[in-house]
Amino acid sequence: MTSPATTDLSDAHPDLVEHCEPIFRDFGGRRAFSGPIATLKTFEDNPKVRQALETPGNGRVLVVDGGGSLRCALVGGNLAALAVQNGWAGIVVYGCVRDTSELAAAQVGVKALAAHPKRSERRGLGDYDVVLRFAGVTFRPGEWLYADEDGIIVSPKKLD
């Protein structure tokens, strides 16, 4: 499934979309992806990320607010494989990822701030389906996220 270009959507809907600050890097095997947003807020702790990706993605994008931490990774190769297996379109992490060659081979979109070799804690803390705010954008569950090499935009509804 091909996602519309963020530049075209931005031009066509300038008063509707929000534009993320350009702080994210591409790590996944798919550079362009889109879908309804599912959210998770957690800090340096990833069991809830795994739990989310173990559920049917149905073409959604998991947006993880990791507090912008650069001290450990919240997503790695095993979680990317789960995302592919369960039909997630992508993962956006306001934090770090690891296993970058495995992420690059996985047919899922992955955007994050940076790579870090250290794994996160495993306390099982975090909240699903909450409104998140980072990178100058508000992410609401059920709204739409579009991502490609030019960046990330968010819309309250699906765009054509």
C-alpha atoms as a PDB file:
ATOM      1  CA  MET A   1       0.000   0.000   0.000  1.00  0.00           C
ATOM      2  CA  THR A   2       1.464   3.331  -1.074  1.00  0.00           C
ATOM      3  CA  SER A   3       0.997   6.321   1.188  1.00  0.00           C
ATOM      4  CA  PRO A   4       0.351   9.770  -0.294  1.00  0.00           C
ATOM      5  CA  ALA A   5       3.391  12.070  -0.156  1.00  0.00           C
ATOM      6  CA  THR A   6       3.475  14.278   2.920  1.00  0.00           C
ATOM      7  CA  THR A   7       4.442  17.237   0.729  1.00  0.00           C
ATOM      8  CA  ASP A   8       1.364  16.810  -1.475  1.00  0.00           C
ATOM      9  CA  LEU A   9      -0.935  16.375   1.528  1.00  0.00           C
ATOM     10  CA  SER A  10       0.613  19.391   3.236  1.00  0.00           C
ATOM     11  CA  ASP A  11       0.061  21.539   0.131  1.00  0.00           C
ATOM     12  CA  ALA A  12      -3.512  20.310  -0.355  1.00  0.00           C
ATOM     13  CA  HIS A  13      -4.546  20.679   3.313  1.00  0.00           C
ATOM     14  CA  PRO A  14      -2.432  23.516   4.811  1.00  0.00           C
ATOM     15  CA  ASP A  15      -5.011  24.450   7.451  1.00  0.00           C
ATOM     16  CA  LEU A  16      -5.815  20.870   8.458  1.00  0.00           C
ATOM     17  CA  VAL A  17      -2.511  19.080   9.031  1.00  0.00           C
ATOM     18  CA  GLU A  18       0.044  19.513  11.786  1.00  0.00           C
ATOM     19  CA  HIS A  19       3.713  19.152  10.852  1.00  0.00           C
ATOM     20  CA  CYS A  20       6.192  17.421  13.144  1.00  0.00           C
ATOM     21  CA  GLU A  21       9.439  19.176  13.813  1.00  0.00           C
ATOM     22  CA  PRO A  22      12.146  17.482  11.700  1.00  0.00           C
ATOM     23  CA  ILE A  23      13.777  15.536  14.530  1.00  0.00           C
ATOM     24  CA  PHE A  24      13.024  11.965  13.444  1.00  0.00           C
ATOM     25  CA  ARG A  25      15.239   9.568  11.491  1.00  0.00           C
ATOM     26  CA  ASP A  26      14.068   6.657   9.342  1.00  0.00           C
ATOM     27  CA  PHE A  27      15.000   3.178  10.579  1.00  0.00           C
ATOM     28  CA  GLY A  28      12.368   0.821   9.139  1.00  0.00           C
ATOM     29  CA  GLY A  29      12.285  -1.001   5.824  1.00  0.00           C
ATOM     30  CA  ARG A  30       9.339   1.145   4.711  1.00  0.00           C
ATOM     31  CA  ARG A  31      10.113   4.826   4.340  1.00  0.00           C
ATOM     32  CA  ALA A  32       6.526   5.873   3.596  1.00  0.00           C
ATOM     33  CA  PHE A  33       3.640   4.740   5.783  1.00  0.00           C
ATOM     34  CA  SER A  34       0.326   5.991   7.085  1.00  0.00           C
ATOM     35  CA  GLY A  35      -2.592   4.925   9.209  1.00  0.00           C
ATOM     36  CA  PRO A  36      -4.797   5.673  12.175  1.00  0.00           C
ATOM     37  CA  ILE A  37      -2.887   6.533  15.335  1.00  0.00           C
ATOM     38  CA  ALA A  38      -2.654   4.325  18.434  1.00  0.00           C
ATOM     39  CA  THR A  39      -0.772   5.918  21.342  1.00  0.00           C
ATOM     40  CA  LEU A  40       1.397   4.827  24.251  1.00  0.00           C
ATOM     41  CA  LYS A  41       3.200   6.931  26.852  1.00  0.00           C
ATOM     42  CA  THR A  42       6.088   5.206  28.636  1.00  0.00           C
ATOM     43  CA  PHE A  43       9.555   6.167  29.842  1.00  0.00           C
ATOM     44  CA  GLU A  44      12.621   3.964  29.389  1.00  0.00           C
ATOM     45  CA  ASP A  45      10.371   0.898  29.746  1.00  0.00           C
ATOM     46  CA  ASN A  46       9.139  -1.201  26.826  1.00  0.00           C
ATOM     47  CA  PRO A  47       6.893  -4.150  27.857  1.00  0.00           C
ATOM     48  CA  LYS A  48       3.791  -2.120  26.961  1.00  0.00           C
ATOM     49  CA  VAL A  49       5.286  -1.473  23.505  1.00  0.00           C
ATOM     50  CA  ARG A  50       5.537  -5.243  23.024  1.00  0.00           C
ATOM     51  CA  GLN A  51       1.987  -5.744  24.309  1.00  0.00           C
ATOM     52  CA  ALA A  52       0.652  -3.184  21.836  1.00  0.00           C
ATOM     53  CA  LEU A  53       2.515  -4.719  18.889  1.00  0.00           C
ATOM     54  CA  GLU A  54       1.273  -8.207  19.824  1.00  0.00           C
ATOM     55  CA  THR A  55      -2.285  -7.047  19.041  1.00  0.00           C
ATOM     56  CA  PRO A  56      -3.736  -6.751  15.528  1.00  0.00           C
ATOM     57  CA  GLY A  57      -2.432  -3.515  14.026  1.00  0.00           C
ATOM     58  CA  ASN A  58      -5.015  -3.303  11.252  1.00  0.00           C
ATOM     59  CA  GLY A  59      -2.828  -0.789   9.410  1.00  0.00           C
ATOM     60  CA  ARG A  60      -2.430   1.526  12.401  1.00  0.00           C
ATOM     61  CA  VAL A  61       0.652   3.490  13.451  1.00  0.00           C
ATOM     62  CA  LEU A  62       1.852   3.103  17.042  1.00  0.00           C
ATOM     63  CA  VAL A  63       3.049   6.457  18.377  1.00  0.00           C
ATOM     64  CA  VAL A  64       5.222   5.998  21.467  1.00  0.00           C
ATOM     65  CA  ASP A  65       6.044   8.959  23.691  1.00  0.00           C
ATOM     66  CA  GLY A  66       9.265   7.855  25.333  1.00  0.00           C
ATOM     67  CA  GLY A  67       9.854  11.309  26.778  1.00  0.00           C
ATOM     68  CA  GLY A  68      12.585  11.965  24.228  1.00  0.00           C
ATOM     69  CA  SER A  69      14.995   9.814  26.235  1.00  0.00           C
ATOM     70  CA  LEU A  70      18.336   9.147  24.576  1.00  0.00           C
ATOM     71  CA  ARG A  71      19.483   6.746  27.328  1.00  0.00           C
ATOM     72  CA  CYS A  72      18.076   3.446  26.014  1.00  0.00           C
ATOM     73  CA  ALA A  73      16.050   1.911  23.180  1.00  0.00           C
ATOM     74  CA  LEU A  74      12.305   1.251  23.308  1.00  0.00           C
ATOM     75  CA  VAL A  75      12.007  -0.685  20.009  1.00  0.00           C
ATOM     76  CA  GLY A  76      14.313  -3.242  18.410  1.00  0.00           C
ATOM     77  CA  GLY A  77      14.332  -5.942  15.773  1.00  0.00           C
ATOM     78  CA  ASN A  78      12.056  -8.383  17.620  1.00  0.00           C
ATOM     79  CA  LEU A  79       9.367  -5.740  18.092  1.00  0.00           C
ATOM     80  CA  ALA A  80       9.611  -4.676  14.453  1.00  0.00           C
ATOM     81  CA  ALA A  81       9.075  -8.314  13.433  1.00  0.00           C
ATOM     82  CA  LEU A  82       5.995  -8.426  15.698  1.00  0.00           C
ATOM     83  CA  ALA A  83       4.698  -5.238  14.084  1.00  0.00           C
ATOM     84  CA  VAL A  84       5.039  -6.765  10.609  1.00  0.00           C
ATOM     85  CA  GLN A  85       3.468 -10.059  11.699  1.00  0.00           C
ATOM     86  CA  ASN A  86       0.477  -8.284  13.247  1.00  0.00           C
ATOM     87  CA  GLY A  87      -0.236  -5.778  10.482  1.00  0.00           C
ATOM     88  CA  TRP A  88       1.042  -2.493  11.911  1.00  0.00           C
ATOM     89  CA  ALA A  89       1.860   0.155   9.287  1.00  0.00           C
ATOM     90  CA  GLY A  90       4.497   1.873  11.389  1.00  0.00           C
ATOM     91  CA  ILE A  91       5.973   2.931  14.696  1.00  0.00           C
ATOM     92  CA  VAL A  92       6.997   6.460  15.668  1.00  0.00           C
ATOM     93  CA  VAL A  93       9.181   6.617  18.777  1.00  0.00           C
ATOM     94  CA  TYR A  94       9.925   9.827  20.640  1.00  0.00           C
ATOM     95  CA  GLY A  95      13.020   8.090  21.935  1.00  0.00           C
ATOM     96  CA  CYS A  96      15.533   5.544  20.639  1.00  0.00           C
ATOM     97  CA  VAL A  97      15.579   2.236  18.779  1.00  0.00           C
ATOM     98  CA  ARG A  98      18.210  -0.492  18.376  1.00  0.00           C
ATOM     99  CA  ASP A  99      19.010  -3.432  16.082  1.00  0.00           C
ATOM    100  CA  THR A 100      19.061  -0.982  13.188  1.00  0.00           C
ATOM    101  CA  SER A 101      19.948  -3.544  10.494  1.00  0.00           C
ATOM    102  CA  GLU A 102      17.004  -5.691  11.587  1.00  0.00           C
ATOM    103  CA  LEU A 103      14.732  -2.645  11.558  1.00  0.00           C
ATOM    104  CA  ALA A 104      15.907  -1.753   8.051  1.00  0.00           C
ATOM    105  CA  ALA A 105      15.044  -5.278   6.855  1.00  0.00           C
ATOM    106  CA  ALA A 106      11.541  -5.241   8.406  1.00  0.00           C
ATOM    107  CA  GLN A 107       8.690  -4.170   6.133  1.00  0.00           C
ATOM    108  CA  VAL A 108       7.308  -1.637   8.581  1.00  0.00           C
ATOM    109  CA  GLY A 109       7.867   2.083   8.973  1.00  0.00           C
ATOM    110  CA  VAL A 110       9.990   3.050  11.973  1.00  0.00           C
ATOM    111  CA  LYS A 111      10.898   6.613  12.873  1.00  0.00           C
ATOM    112  CA  ALA A 112      12.781   7.559  16.019  1.00  0.00           C
ATOM    113  CA  LEU A 113      15.184  10.160  17.353  1.00  0.00           C
ATOM    114  CA  ALA A 114      18.314   7.979  17.342  1.00  0.00           C
ATOM    115  CA  ALA A 115      19.770   4.517  17.790  1.00  0.00           C
ATOM    116  CA  HIS A 116      21.073   3.273  21.142  1.00  0.00           C
ATOM    117  CA  PRO A 117      22.447  -0.190  21.970  1.00  0.00           C
ATOM    118  CA  LYS A 118      21.098  -0.356  25.544  1.00  0.00           C
ATOM    119  CA  ARG A 119      17.740  -2.062  26.106  1.00  0.00           C
ATOM    120  CA  SER A 120      15.095  -0.415  28.222  1.00  0.00           C
ATOM    121  CA  GLU A 121      13.854  -1.395  31.644  1.00  0.00           C
ATOM    122  CA  ARG A 122      11.117  -4.009  31.909  1.00  0.00           C
ATOM    123  CA  ARG A 123       8.776  -2.717  34.582  1.00  0.00           C
ATOM    124  CA  GLY A 124       5.584  -2.752  32.500  1.00  0.00           C
ATOM    125  CA  LEU A 125       4.703   0.898  33.078  1.00  0.00           C
ATOM    126  CA  GLY A 126       2.858   3.110  30.625  1.00  0.00           C
ATOM    127  CA  ASP A 127      -0.523   4.312  29.431  1.00  0.00           C
ATOM    128  CA  TYR A 128      -2.354   3.460  26.194  1.00  0.00           C
ATOM    129  CA  ASP A 129      -4.793   5.607  24.218  1.00  0.00           C
ATOM    130  CA  VAL A 130      -3.735   8.939  25.697  1.00  0.00           C
ATOM    131  CA  VAL A 131      -3.291  12.246  23.905  1.00  0.00           C
ATOM    132  CA  LEU A 132       0.427  12.868  23.354  1.00  0.00           C
ATOM    133  CA  ARG A 133       2.292  16.082  22.557  1.00  0.00           C
ATOM    134  CA  PHE A 134       5.852  16.236  21.256  1.00  0.00           C
ATOM    135  CA  ALA A 135       7.749  17.519  18.207  1.00  0.00           C
ATOM    136  CA  GLY A 136       5.280  20.413  17.976  1.00  0.00           C
ATOM    137  CA  VAL A 137       2.315  18.120  17.268  1.00  0.00           C
ATOM    138  CA  THR A 138      -0.591  16.661  19.231  1.00  0.00           C
ATOM    139  CA  PHE A 139      -1.195  12.953  18.574  1.00  0.00           C
ATOM    140  CA  ARG A 140      -4.729  11.756  19.291  1.00  0.00           C
ATOM    141  CA  PRO A 141      -5.803   8.115  19.067  1.00  0.00           C
ATOM    142  CA  GLY A 142      -7.797   7.538  15.884  1.00  0.00           C
ATOM    143  CA  GLU A 143      -6.441  10.545  13.990  1.00  0.00           C
ATOM    144  CA  TRP A 144      -4.238   9.907  10.942  1.00  0.00           C
ATOM    145  CA  LEU A 145      -0.464   9.968  10.643  1.00  0.00           C
ATOM    146  CA  TYR A 146       1.392  10.196   7.335  1.00  0.00           C
ATOM    147  CA  ALA A 147       5.148   9.721   7.187  1.00  0.00           C
ATOM    148  CA  ASP A 148       7.816   9.574   4.499  1.00  0.00           C
ATOM    149  CA  GLU A 149      11.344  10.796   3.819  1.00  0.00           C
ATOM    150  CA  ASP A 150      10.152  14.420   4.045  1.00  0.00           C
ATOM    151  CA  GLY A 151       8.700  14.100   7.525  1.00  0.00           C
ATOM    152  CA  ILE A 152       5.572  13.376   9.542  1.00  0.00           C
ATOM    153  CA  ILE A 153       2.187  15.063   9.381  1.00  0.00           C
ATOM    154  CA  VAL A 154      -0.957  14.439  11.411  1.00  0.00           C
ATOM    155  CA  SER A 155      -4.552  15.016  10.364  1.00  0.00           C
ATOM    156  CA  PRO A 156      -7.815  14.693  12.293  1.00  0.00           C
ATOM    157  CA  LYS A 157      -9.164  12.597   9.395  1.00  0.00           C
ATOM    158  CA  LYS A 158      -7.981  10.368   6.549  1.00  0.00           C
ATOM    159  CA  LEU A 159      -6.720  12.392   3.594  1.00  0.00           C
ATOM    160  CA  ASP A 160      -6.712  11.586  -0.131  1.00  0.00           C
END
